[in-house]
Amino acid sequence: MASTVEKKKSEPSKTLGPIIVDLGKRRRKDIKQLRQGTGELVDEVSECLQELVASGSVSADAQPVILIIREKQKNGMFLNQ
């Protein structure tokens, strides 16, 4: 008979859906370093993942998925008029 700890490990975790973390506006250099897997944004993502693991929101073996999306500016639109 399996112990309760072993049962919890074998049971699938609840699906919470995607977790989205907005890191705000960043410099082009920081984003480039993130794409290369270096820099302060990589550290920030790692810290965020550790906090989520500690709170129980994600499992300890979760891998982060980082999407970098920039909004395309409309041609002919000037915001500072």
C-alpha atoms as a PDB file:
ATOM      1  CA  MET A   1       0.000   0.000   0.000  1.00  0.00           C
ATOM      2  CA  ALA A   2       1.422   3.396  -0.995  1.00  0.00           C
ATOM      3  CA  SER A   3       1.825   6.148   1.537  1.00  0.00           C
ATOM      4  CA  THR A   4      -0.051   9.427   1.165  1.00  0.00           C
ATOM      5  CA  VAL A   5       3.094  11.170  -0.051  1.00  0.00           C
ATOM      6  CA  GLU A   6       3.519   8.622  -2.839  1.00  0.00           C
ATOM      7  CA  LYS A   7      -0.158   8.912  -3.763  1.00  0.00           C
ATOM      8  CA  LYS A   8       0.135  12.689  -4.086  1.00  0.00           C
ATOM      9  CA  LYS A   9       3.137  12.339  -6.349  1.00  0.00           C
ATOM     10  CA  SER A  10       1.369   9.899  -8.654  1.00  0.00           C
ATOM     11  CA  GLU A  11      -1.840  11.967  -8.888  1.00  0.00           C
ATOM     12  CA  PRO A  12      -1.928  14.561 -11.662  1.00  0.00           C
ATOM     13  CA  SER A  13      -1.781  18.130 -10.441  1.00  0.00           C
ATOM     14  CA  LYS A  14      -4.684  20.514 -10.927  1.00  0.00           C
ATOM     15  CA  THR A  15      -4.510  22.449 -14.157  1.00  0.00           C
ATOM     16  CA  LEU A  16      -4.577  26.125 -13.315  1.00  0.00           C
ATOM     17  CA  GLY A  17      -4.120  27.410 -16.828  1.00  0.00           C
ATOM     18  CA  PRO A  18      -1.324  29.636 -18.003  1.00  0.00           C
ATOM     19  CA  ILE A  19       0.499  31.842 -15.536  1.00  0.00           C
ATOM     20  CA  ILE A  20       1.350  35.183 -17.079  1.00  0.00           C
ATOM     21  CA  VAL A  21       3.990  37.429 -15.551  1.00  0.00           C
ATOM     22  CA  ASP A  22       4.365  40.928 -16.973  1.00  0.00           C
ATOM     23  CA  LEU A  23       7.961  42.083 -16.585  1.00  0.00           C
ATOM     24  CA  GLY A  24       7.126  45.556 -17.887  1.00  0.00           C
ATOM     25  CA  LYS A  25       9.019  47.603 -20.409  1.00  0.00           C
ATOM     26  CA  ARG A  26      12.648  46.672 -20.739  1.00  0.00           C
ATOM     27  CA  ARG A  27      15.623  47.876 -22.710  1.00  0.00           C
ATOM     28  CA  ARG A  28      16.408  46.232 -26.024  1.00  0.00           C
ATOM     29  CA  LYS A  29      19.748  45.034 -24.590  1.00  0.00           C
ATOM     30  CA  ASP A  30      18.002  43.252 -21.695  1.00  0.00           C
ATOM     31  CA  ILE A  31      15.618  41.480 -24.084  1.00  0.00           C
ATOM     32  CA  LYS A  32      18.496  40.427 -26.318  1.00  0.00           C
ATOM     33  CA  GLN A  33      20.334  38.984 -23.315  1.00  0.00           C
ATOM     34  CA  LEU A  34      17.170  37.140 -22.236  1.00  0.00           C
ATOM     35  CA  ARG A  35      16.946  35.524 -25.659  1.00  0.00           C
ATOM     36  CA  GLN A  36      20.558  34.379 -25.219  1.00  0.00           C
ATOM     37  CA  GLY A  37      19.778  32.985 -21.756  1.00  0.00           C
ATOM     38  CA  THR A  38      21.836  35.533 -19.835  1.00  0.00           C
ATOM     39  CA  GLY A  39      21.303  38.809 -18.036  1.00  0.00           C
ATOM     40  CA  GLU A  40      19.164  40.168 -15.231  1.00  0.00           C
ATOM     41  CA  LEU A  41      15.838  39.175 -16.820  1.00  0.00           C
ATOM     42  CA  VAL A  42      16.839  35.510 -16.688  1.00  0.00           C
ATOM     43  CA  ASP A  43      17.523  35.966 -12.980  1.00  0.00           C
ATOM     44  CA  GLU A  44      14.168  37.706 -12.526  1.00  0.00           C
ATOM     45  CA  VAL A  45      12.302  34.889 -14.298  1.00  0.00           C
ATOM     46  CA  SER A  46      14.144  32.310 -12.160  1.00  0.00           C
ATOM     47  CA  GLU A  47      13.203  34.160  -8.957  1.00  0.00           C
ATOM     48  CA  CYS A  48       9.586  34.378 -10.073  1.00  0.00           C
ATOM     49  CA  LEU A  49       9.517  30.645 -10.817  1.00  0.00           C
ATOM     50  CA  GLN A  50      11.008  29.892  -7.384  1.00  0.00           C
ATOM     51  CA  GLU A  51       8.284  31.991  -5.714  1.00  0.00           C
ATOM     52  CA  LEU A  52       5.579  30.135  -7.641  1.00  0.00           C
ATOM     53  CA  VAL A  53       7.063  26.775  -6.632  1.00  0.00           C
ATOM     54  CA  ALA A  54       7.278  27.865  -2.987  1.00  0.00           C
ATOM     55  CA  SER A  55       3.637  28.981  -2.989  1.00  0.00           C
ATOM     56  CA  GLY A  56       2.550  25.703  -4.589  1.00  0.00           C
ATOM     57  CA  SER A  57       1.189  27.318  -7.750  1.00  0.00           C
ATOM     58  CA  VAL A  58       3.429  25.221 -10.009  1.00  0.00           C
ATOM     59  CA  SER A  59       5.325  21.974  -9.573  1.00  0.00           C
ATOM     60  CA  ALA A  60       9.021  21.939  -8.775  1.00  0.00           C
ATOM     61  CA  ASP A  61       9.924  20.478 -12.170  1.00  0.00           C
ATOM     62  CA  ALA A  62       8.030  23.147 -14.158  1.00  0.00           C
ATOM     63  CA  GLN A  63       9.893  24.787 -17.026  1.00  0.00           C
ATOM     64  CA  PRO A  64       9.234  28.452 -17.817  1.00  0.00           C
ATOM     65  CA  VAL A  65       7.975  29.448 -21.232  1.00  0.00           C
ATOM     66  CA  ILE A  66       8.873  33.017 -22.118  1.00  0.00           C
ATOM     67  CA  LEU A  67       7.162  34.866 -24.927  1.00  0.00           C
ATOM     68  CA  ILE A  68       8.403  38.276 -25.973  1.00  0.00           C
ATOM     69  CA  ILE A  69       5.699  40.222 -27.741  1.00  0.00           C
ATOM     70  CA  ARG A  70       5.969  43.763 -29.014  1.00  0.00           C
ATOM     71  CA  GLU A  71       3.008  45.705 -30.264  1.00  0.00           C
ATOM     72  CA  LYS A  72       3.490  46.906 -33.807  1.00  0.00           C
ATOM     73  CA  GLN A  73       3.090  50.656 -34.227  1.00  0.00           C
ATOM     74  CA  LYS A  74       0.559  51.793 -36.785  1.00  0.00           C
ATOM     75  CA  ASN A  75       2.022  53.708 -39.719  1.00  0.00           C
ATOM     76  CA  GLY A  76       1.321  57.433 -39.696  1.00  0.00           C
ATOM     77  CA  MET A  77       0.279  57.522 -36.040  1.00  0.00           C
ATOM     78  CA  PHE A  78       2.156  59.970 -33.858  1.00  0.00           C
ATOM     79  CA  LEU A  79       1.327  59.765 -30.175  1.00  0.00           C
ATOM     80  CA  ASN A  80       3.056  62.980 -29.094  1.00  0.00           C
ATOM     81  CA  GLN A  81       1.088  65.517 -31.109  1.00  0.00           C
END
